[in-house]
Amino acid sequence: MRSFPSSELKRTLGDVLDAASQEPVAITKHKTPRYVLMSIHAYESRFPKDERQTIAVEDMPDEHLAKLETALSGLDEEGKA
């Protein structure tokens, strides 16, 4: 991973963006990596949108509630099978 000092970002912005289009780039401060810059394509590939949802038990579909109850019935008081 290439790195660029934050103090030189203004002067080297074109180089930084060119590098970030190829691979993630570390932005350093006092020679310590602080940030990562990457293309939106690389970001979306590494961190796909999470489609999971939370649902209150009272709003849960009956079939899901039945599965939950079955799974929980096999556990002891400490939550172990």
PDB file of N, CA and C in Angstrom:
ATOM      1  N   MET A   1       0.854  -1.167   0.000  1.00  0.00           N
ATOM      2  CA  MET A   1       0.000   0.000   0.000  1.00  0.00           C
ATOM      3  C   MET A   1       0.901   1.232   0.000  1.00  0.00           C
ATOM      4  N   ARG A   2       0.630   2.105  -0.929  1.00  0.00           N
ATOM      5  CA  ARG A   2       1.383   3.365  -0.956  1.00  0.00           C
ATOM      6  C   ARG A   2       0.892   4.266   0.156  1.00  0.00           C
ATOM      7  N   SER A   3       1.752   5.193   0.565  1.00  0.00           N
ATOM      8  CA  SER A   3       1.336   6.151   1.590  1.00  0.00           C
ATOM      9  C   SER A   3       1.789   7.547   1.201  1.00  0.00           C
ATOM     10  N   PHE A   4       1.029   8.525   1.681  1.00  0.00           N
ATOM     11  CA  PHE A   4       1.299   9.936   1.425  1.00  0.00           C
ATOM     12  C   PHE A   4       1.128  10.702   2.725  1.00  0.00           C
ATOM     13  N   PRO A   5       2.055  11.619   3.035  1.00  0.00           N
ATOM     14  CA  PRO A   5       1.898  12.448   4.238  1.00  0.00           C
ATOM     15  C   PRO A   5       0.731  13.417   4.080  1.00  0.00           C
ATOM     16  N   SER A   6      -0.054  13.583   5.128  1.00  0.00           N
ATOM     17  CA  SER A   6      -1.200  14.498   5.061  1.00  0.00           C
ATOM     18  C   SER A   6      -0.747  15.922   4.790  1.00  0.00           C
ATOM     19  N   SER A   7       0.447  16.274   5.227  1.00  0.00           N
ATOM     20  CA  SER A   7       0.948  17.640   5.025  1.00  0.00           C
ATOM     21  C   SER A   7       1.215  17.945   3.549  1.00  0.00           C
ATOM     22  N   GLU A   8       1.284  16.909   2.716  1.00  0.00           N
ATOM     23  CA  GLU A   8       1.562  17.120   1.297  1.00  0.00           C
ATOM     24  C   GLU A   8       0.367  16.818   0.400  1.00  0.00           C
ATOM     25  N   LEU A   9      -0.804  16.614   0.977  1.00  0.00           N
ATOM     26  CA  LEU A   9      -1.966  16.251   0.174  1.00  0.00           C
ATOM     27  C   LEU A   9      -2.325  17.300  -0.868  1.00  0.00           C
ATOM     28  N   LYS A  10      -2.286  18.573  -0.493  1.00  0.00           N
ATOM     29  CA  LYS A  10      -2.632  19.626  -1.458  1.00  0.00           C
ATOM     30  C   LYS A  10      -1.727  19.558  -2.682  1.00  0.00           C
ATOM     31  N   ARG A  11      -0.452  19.421  -2.436  1.00  0.00           N
ATOM     32  CA  ARG A  11       0.527  19.445  -3.513  1.00  0.00           C
ATOM     33  C   ARG A  11       0.485  18.173  -4.354  1.00  0.00           C
ATOM     34  N   THR A  12       0.156  17.063  -3.748  1.00  0.00           N
ATOM     35  CA  THR A  12       0.220  15.775  -4.442  1.00  0.00           C
ATOM     36  C   THR A  12      -1.147  15.148  -4.684  1.00  0.00           C
ATOM     37  N   LEU A  13      -2.212  15.933  -4.632  1.00  0.00           N
ATOM     38  CA  LEU A  13      -3.562  15.377  -4.731  1.00  0.00           C
ATOM     39  C   LEU A  13      -3.753  14.531  -5.989  1.00  0.00           C
ATOM     40  N   GLY A  14      -3.265  14.996  -7.117  1.00  0.00           N
ATOM     41  CA  GLY A  14      -3.402  14.226  -8.358  1.00  0.00           C
ATOM     42  C   GLY A  14      -2.739  12.861  -8.248  1.00  0.00           C
ATOM     43  N   ASP A  15      -1.535  12.824  -7.683  1.00  0.00           N
ATOM     44  CA  ASP A  15      -0.826  11.553  -7.503  1.00  0.00           C
ATOM     45  C   ASP A  15      -1.578  10.638  -6.531  1.00  0.00           C
ATOM     46  N   VAL A  16      -2.106  11.228  -5.466  1.00  0.00           N
ATOM     47  CA  VAL A  16      -2.842  10.446  -4.466  1.00  0.00           C
ATOM     48  C   VAL A  16      -4.081   9.823  -5.109  1.00  0.00           C
ATOM     49  N   LEU A  17      -4.837  10.609  -5.855  1.00  0.00           N
ATOM     50  CA  LEU A  17      -6.046  10.081  -6.489  1.00  0.00           C
ATOM     51  C   LEU A  17      -5.717   9.030  -7.533  1.00  0.00           C
ATOM     52  N   ASP A  18      -4.655   9.233  -8.297  1.00  0.00           N
ATOM     53  CA  ASP A  18      -4.231   8.218  -9.264  1.00  0.00           C
ATOM     54  C   ASP A  18      -3.884   6.913  -8.560  1.00  0.00           C
ATOM     55  N   ALA A  19      -3.132   7.007  -7.469  1.00  0.00           N
ATOM     56  CA  ALA A  19      -2.750   5.807  -6.720  1.00  0.00           C
ATOM     57  C   ALA A  19      -3.977   5.126  -6.119  1.00  0.00           C
ATOM     58  N   ALA A  20      -4.913   5.928  -5.571  1.00  0.00           N
ATOM     59  CA  ALA A  20      -6.112   5.367  -4.943  1.00  0.00           C
ATOM     60  C   ALA A  20      -7.032   4.699  -5.960  1.00  0.00           C
ATOM     61  N   SER A  21      -6.921   5.077  -7.218  1.00  0.00           N
ATOM     62  CA  SER A  21      -7.738   4.415  -8.234  1.00  0.00           C
ATOM     63  C   SER A  21      -7.220   3.012  -8.530  1.00  0.00           C
ATOM     64  N   GLN A  22      -5.977   2.729  -8.165  1.00  0.00           N
ATOM     65  CA  GLN A  22      -5.368   1.410  -8.392  1.00  0.00           C
ATOM     66  C   GLN A  22      -5.440   0.514  -7.166  1.00  0.00           C
ATOM     67  N   GLU A  23      -5.275   1.103  -5.973  1.00  0.00           N
ATOM     68  CA  GLU A  23      -5.250   0.345  -4.723  1.00  0.00           C
ATOM     69  C   GLU A  23      -5.496   1.303  -3.563  1.00  0.00           C
ATOM     70  N   PRO A  24      -5.878   0.783  -2.398  1.00  0.00           N
ATOM     71  CA  PRO A  24      -6.033   1.665  -1.232  1.00  0.00           C
ATOM     72  C   PRO A  24      -4.719   2.382  -0.930  1.00  0.00           C
ATOM     73  N   VAL A  25      -4.840   3.628  -0.474  1.00  0.00           N
ATOM     74  CA  VAL A  25      -3.678   4.469  -0.178  1.00  0.00           C
ATOM     75  C   VAL A  25      -3.752   4.894   1.286  1.00  0.00           C
ATOM     76  N   ALA A  26      -2.634   4.792   1.987  1.00  0.00           N
ATOM     77  CA  ALA A  26      -2.580   5.242   3.386  1.00  0.00           C
ATOM     78  C   ALA A  26      -2.220   6.720   3.417  1.00  0.00           C
ATOM     79  N   ILE A  27      -2.940   7.471   4.226  1.00  0.00           N
ATOM     80  CA  ILE A  27      -2.619   8.874   4.476  1.00  0.00           C
ATOM     81  C   ILE A  27      -1.986   8.905   5.864  1.00  0.00           C
ATOM     82  N   THR A  28      -0.766   9.422   5.931  1.00  0.00           N
ATOM     83  CA  THR A  28      -0.023   9.391   7.193  1.00  0.00           C
ATOM     84  C   THR A  28       0.047  10.761   7.849  1.00  0.00           C
ATOM     85  N   LYS A  29       0.232  10.739   9.147  1.00  0.00           N
ATOM     86  CA  LYS A  29       0.465  11.955   9.922  1.00  0.00           C
ATOM     87  C   LYS A  29       1.591  11.621  10.885  1.00  0.00           C
ATOM     88  N   HIS A  30       2.662  12.372  10.805  1.00  0.00           N
ATOM     89  CA  HIS A  30       3.864  12.090  11.596  1.00  0.00           C
ATOM     90  C   HIS A  30       4.349  10.658  11.346  1.00  0.00           C
ATOM     91  N   LYS A  31       4.305  10.255  10.066  1.00  0.00           N
ATOM     92  CA  LYS A  31       4.768   8.946   9.588  1.00  0.00           C
ATOM     93  C   LYS A  31       3.949   7.759  10.098  1.00  0.00           C
ATOM     94  N   THR A  32       2.790   8.030  10.689  1.00  0.00           N
ATOM     95  CA  THR A  32       1.916   6.976  11.179  1.00  0.00           C
ATOM     96  C   THR A  32       0.650   6.941  10.321  1.00  0.00           C
ATOM     97  N   PRO A  33       0.295   5.777   9.763  1.00  0.00           N
ATOM     98  CA  PRO A  33      -0.937   5.698   8.963  1.00  0.00           C
ATOM     99  C   PRO A  33      -2.152   6.102   9.801  1.00  0.00           C
ATOM    100  N   ARG A  34      -2.957   7.022   9.265  1.00  0.00           N
ATOM    101  CA  ARG A  34      -4.141   7.514   9.984  1.00  0.00           C
ATOM    102  C   ARG A  34      -5.441   7.269   9.227  1.00  0.00           C
ATOM    103  N   TYR A  35      -5.386   7.289   7.898  1.00  0.00           N
ATOM    104  CA  TYR A  35      -6.583   7.154   7.069  1.00  0.00           C
ATOM    105  C   TYR A  35      -6.260   6.284   5.863  1.00  0.00           C
ATOM    106  N   VAL A  36      -7.310   5.765   5.227  1.00  0.00           N
ATOM    107  CA  VAL A  36      -7.159   5.016   3.984  1.00  0.00           C
ATOM    108  C   VAL A  36      -8.093   5.643   2.960  1.00  0.00           C
ATOM    109  N   LEU A  37      -7.562   5.872   1.770  1.00  0.00           N
ATOM    110  CA  LEU A  37      -8.346   6.404   0.659  1.00  0.00           C
ATOM    111  C   LEU A  37      -8.387   5.331  -0.408  1.00  0.00           C
ATOM    112  N   MET A  38      -9.592   5.020  -0.895  1.00  0.00           N
ATOM    113  CA  MET A  38      -9.732   4.017  -1.947  1.00  0.00           C
ATOM    114  C   MET A  38     -10.862   4.417  -2.874  1.00  0.00           C
ATOM    115  N   SER A  39     -10.884   3.801  -4.037  1.00  0.00           N
ATOM    116  CA  SER A  39     -11.952   4.090  -4.989  1.00  0.00           C
ATOM    117  C   SER A  39     -13.273   3.592  -4.427  1.00  0.00           C
ATOM    118  N   ILE A  40     -14.356   4.157  -4.898  1.00  0.00           N
ATOM    119  CA  ILE A  40     -15.678   3.733  -4.440  1.00  0.00           C
ATOM    120  C   ILE A  40     -15.928   2.277  -4.825  1.00  0.00           C
ATOM    121  N   HIS A  41     -15.415   1.864  -5.984  1.00  0.00           N
ATOM    122  CA  HIS A  41     -15.558   0.472  -6.421  1.00  0.00           C
ATOM    123  C   HIS A  41     -14.871  -0.478  -5.433  1.00  0.00           C
ATOM    124  N   ALA A  42     -13.646  -0.144  -5.023  1.00  0.00           N
ATOM    125  CA  ALA A  42     -12.925  -0.980  -4.053  1.00  0.00           C
ATOM    126  C   ALA A  42     -13.652  -1.003  -2.716  1.00  0.00           C
ATOM    127  N   TYR A  43     -14.165   0.150  -2.298  1.00  0.00           N
ATOM    128  CA  TYR A  43     -14.895   0.227  -1.023  1.00  0.00           C
ATOM    129  C   TYR A  43     -16.136  -0.659  -1.054  1.00  0.00           C
ATOM    130  N   GLU A  44     -16.947  -0.529  -2.107  1.00  0.00           N
ATOM    131  CA  GLU A  44     -18.176  -1.308  -2.207  1.00  0.00           C
ATOM    132  C   GLU A  44     -17.891  -2.802  -2.347  1.00  0.00           C
ATOM    133  N   SER A  45     -16.768  -3.162  -2.975  1.00  0.00           N
ATOM    134  CA  SER A  45     -16.388  -4.573  -3.092  1.00  0.00           C
ATOM    135  C   SER A  45     -15.993  -5.142  -1.738  1.00  0.00           C
ATOM    136  N   ARG A  46     -15.304  -4.355  -0.935  1.00  0.00           N
ATOM    137  CA  ARG A  46     -14.838  -4.827   0.375  1.00  0.00           C
ATOM    138  C   ARG A  46     -15.918  -4.757   1.443  1.00  0.00           C
ATOM    139  N   PHE A  47     -16.831  -3.790   1.318  1.00  0.00           N
ATOM    140  CA  PHE A  47     -17.853  -3.574   2.336  1.00  0.00           C
ATOM    141  C   PHE A  47     -19.234  -3.531   1.680  1.00  0.00           C
ATOM    142  N   PRO A  48     -19.744  -4.695   1.268  1.00  0.00           N
ATOM    143  CA  PRO A  48     -21.062  -4.690   0.628  1.00  0.00           C
ATOM    144  C   PRO A  48     -22.133  -4.212   1.599  1.00  0.00           C
ATOM    145  N   LYS A  49     -23.189  -3.667   1.053  1.00  0.00           N
ATOM    146  CA  LYS A  49     -24.290  -3.169   1.886  1.00  0.00           C
ATOM    147  C   LYS A  49     -24.894  -4.323   2.676  1.00  0.00           C
ATOM    148  N   ASP A  50     -25.086  -4.105   3.945  1.00  0.00           N
ATOM    149  CA  ASP A  50     -25.656  -5.115   4.833  1.00  0.00           C
ATOM    150  C   ASP A  50     -27.177  -5.020   4.759  1.00  0.00           C
ATOM    151  N   GLU A  51     -27.809  -6.067   4.278  1.00  0.00           N
ATOM    152  CA  GLU A  51     -29.262  -6.066   4.085  1.00  0.00           C
ATOM    153  C   GLU A  51     -30.026  -6.627   5.288  1.00  0.00           C
ATOM    154  N   ARG A  52     -29.286  -6.976   6.367  1.00  0.00           N
ATOM    155  CA  ARG A  52     -29.977  -7.543   7.533  1.00  0.00           C
ATOM    156  C   ARG A  52     -30.902  -6.507   8.167  1.00  0.00           C
ATOM    157  N   GLN A  53     -31.956  -7.007   8.810  1.00  0.00           N
ATOM    158  CA  GLN A  53     -32.916  -6.141   9.476  1.00  0.00           C
ATOM    159  C   GLN A  53     -33.185  -6.669  10.876  1.00  0.00           C
ATOM    160  N   THR A  54     -33.604  -5.793  11.748  1.00  0.00           N
ATOM    161  CA  THR A  54     -34.053  -6.228  13.067  1.00  0.00           C
ATOM    162  C   THR A  54     -35.572  -6.175  13.094  1.00  0.00           C
ATOM    163  N   ILE A  55     -36.147  -7.145  13.773  1.00  0.00           N
ATOM    164  CA  ILE A  55     -37.608  -7.226  13.870  1.00  0.00           C
ATOM    165  C   ILE A  55     -37.958  -7.545  15.311  1.00  0.00           C
ATOM    166  N   ALA A  56     -38.901  -6.812  15.874  1.00  0.00           N
ATOM    167  CA  ALA A  56     -39.376  -7.101  17.226  1.00  0.00           C
ATOM    168  C   ALA A  56     -40.112  -8.434  17.212  1.00  0.00           C
ATOM    169  N   VAL A  57     -40.027  -9.177  18.300  1.00  0.00           N
ATOM    170  CA  VAL A  57     -40.671 -10.491  18.377  1.00  0.00           C
ATOM    171  C   VAL A  57     -42.152 -10.394  18.039  1.00  0.00           C
ATOM    172  N   GLU A  58     -42.818  -9.367  18.544  1.00  0.00           N
ATOM    173  CA  GLU A  58     -44.256  -9.248  18.278  1.00  0.00           C
ATOM    174  C   GLU A  58     -44.584  -8.968  16.807  1.00  0.00           C
ATOM    175  N   ASP A  59     -43.600  -8.506  16.038  1.00  0.00           N
ATOM    176  CA  ASP A  59     -43.806  -8.235  14.610  1.00  0.00           C
ATOM    177  C   ASP A  59     -43.260  -9.350  13.723  1.00  0.00           C
ATOM    178  N   MET A  60     -42.674 -10.378  14.338  1.00  0.00           N
ATOM    179  CA  MET A  60     -42.025 -11.449  13.599  1.00  0.00           C
ATOM    180  C   MET A  60     -43.071 -12.338  12.920  1.00  0.00           C
ATOM    181  N   PRO A  61     -42.823 -12.741  11.675  1.00  0.00           N
ATOM    182  CA  PRO A  61     -43.745 -13.675  11.022  1.00  0.00           C
ATOM    183  C   PRO A  61     -43.846 -14.972  11.839  1.00  0.00           C
ATOM    184  N   ASP A  62     -45.023 -15.601  11.833  1.00  0.00           N
ATOM    185  CA  ASP A  62     -45.263 -16.797  12.626  1.00  0.00           C
ATOM    186  C   ASP A  62     -44.240 -17.900  12.355  1.00  0.00           C
ATOM    187  N   GLU A  63     -43.868 -18.090  11.092  1.00  0.00           N
ATOM    188  CA  GLU A  63     -42.913 -19.160  10.755  1.00  0.00           C
ATOM    189  C   GLU A  63     -41.541 -18.884  11.365  1.00  0.00           C
ATOM    190  N   HIS A  64     -41.135 -17.627  11.423  1.00  0.00           N
ATOM    191  CA  HIS A  64     -39.849 -17.277  12.029  1.00  0.00           C
ATOM    192  C   HIS A  64     -39.914 -17.436  13.545  1.00  0.00           C
ATOM    193  N   LEU A  65     -41.027 -17.046  14.125  1.00  0.00           N
ATOM    194  CA  LEU A  65     -41.204 -17.196  15.567  1.00  0.00           C
ATOM    195  C   LEU A  65     -41.153 -18.670  15.967  1.00  0.00           C
ATOM    196  N   ALA A  66     -41.759 -19.527  15.174  1.00  0.00           N
ATOM    197  CA  ALA A  66     -41.735 -20.969  15.456  1.00  0.00           C
ATOM    198  C   ALA A  66     -40.300 -21.500  15.405  1.00  0.00           C
ATOM    199  N   LYS A  67     -39.534 -21.073  14.431  1.00  0.00           N
ATOM    200  CA  LYS A  67     -38.134 -21.500  14.326  1.00  0.00           C
ATOM    201  C   LYS A  67     -37.329 -21.012  15.530  1.00  0.00           C
ATOM    202  N   LEU A  68     -37.576 -19.780  15.951  1.00  0.00           N
ATOM    203  CA  LEU A  68     -36.874 -19.223  17.108  1.00  0.00           C
ATOM    204  C   LEU A  68     -37.223 -20.005  18.370  1.00  0.00           C
ATOM    205  N   GLU A  69     -38.493 -20.279  18.566  1.00  0.00           N
ATOM    206  CA  GLU A  69     -38.921 -21.023  19.745  1.00  0.00           C
ATOM    207  C   GLU A  69     -38.315 -22.423  19.761  1.00  0.00           C
ATOM    208  N   THR A  70     -38.260 -23.073  18.607  1.00  0.00           N
ATOM    209  CA  THR A  70     -37.656 -24.404  18.515  1.00  0.00           C
ATOM    210  C   THR A  70     -36.181 -24.350  18.876  1.00  0.00           C
ATOM    211  N   ALA A  71     -35.477 -23.372  18.355  1.00  0.00           N
ATOM    212  CA  ALA A  71     -34.047 -23.236  18.639  1.00  0.00           C
ATOM    213  C   ALA A  71     -33.812 -22.951  20.117  1.00  0.00           C
ATOM    214  N   LEU A  72     -34.646 -22.099  20.713  1.00  0.00           N
ATOM    215  CA  LEU A  72     -34.470 -21.734  22.115  1.00  0.00           C
ATOM    216  C   LEU A  72     -34.862 -22.860  23.061  1.00  0.00           C
ATOM    217  N   SER A  73     -35.773 -23.710  22.658  1.00  0.00           N
ATOM    218  CA  SER A  73     -36.225 -24.789  23.538  1.00  0.00           C
ATOM    219  C   SER A  73     -35.119 -25.800  23.808  1.00  0.00           C
ATOM    220  N   GLY A  74     -34.109 -25.861  22.962  1.00  0.00           N
ATOM    221  CA  GLY A  74     -33.019 -26.807  23.152  1.00  0.00           C
ATOM    222  C   GLY A  74     -31.877 -26.240  23.986  1.00  0.00           C
ATOM    223  N   LEU A  75     -32.033 -25.041  24.548  1.00  0.00           N
ATOM    224  CA  LEU A  75     -30.974 -24.414  25.327  1.00  0.00           C
ATOM    225  C   LEU A  75     -31.277 -24.483  26.818  1.00  0.00           C
ATOM    226  N   ASP A  76     -30.208 -24.549  27.621  1.00  0.00           N
ATOM    227  CA  ASP A  76     -30.403 -24.491  29.076  1.00  0.00           C
ATOM    228  C   ASP A  76     -30.499 -23.030  29.511  1.00  0.00           C
ATOM    229  N   GLU A  77     -30.556 -22.787  30.823  1.00  0.00           N
ATOM    230  CA  GLU A  77     -30.716 -21.429  31.336  1.00  0.00           C
ATOM    231  C   GLU A  77     -29.539 -20.512  31.013  1.00  0.00           C
ATOM    232  N   GLU A  78     -28.383 -21.092  30.741  1.00  0.00           N
ATOM    233  CA  GLU A  78     -27.206 -20.285  30.407  1.00  0.00           C
ATOM    234  C   GLU A  78     -27.070 -20.081  28.898  1.00  0.00           C
ATOM    235  N   GLY A  79     -28.022 -20.589  28.137  1.00  0.00           N
ATOM    236  CA  GLY A  79     -27.982 -20.407  26.692  1.00  0.00           C
ATOM    237  C   GLY A  79     -27.103 -21.409  25.971  1.00  0.00           C
ATOM    238  N   LYS A  80     -26.795 -22.540  26.634  1.00  0.00           N
ATOM    239  CA  LYS A  80     -25.957 -23.562  26.024  1.00  0.00           C
ATOM    240  C   LYS A  80     -26.818 -24.734  25.599  1.00  0.00           C
ATOM    241  N   ALA A  81     -26.419 -25.362  24.496  1.00  0.00           N
ATOM    242  CA  ALA A  81     -27.172 -26.507  23.970  1.00  0.00           C
ATOM    243  C   ALA A  81     -26.957 -27.736  24.812  1.00  0.00           C
TER     244      ALA A  81
END
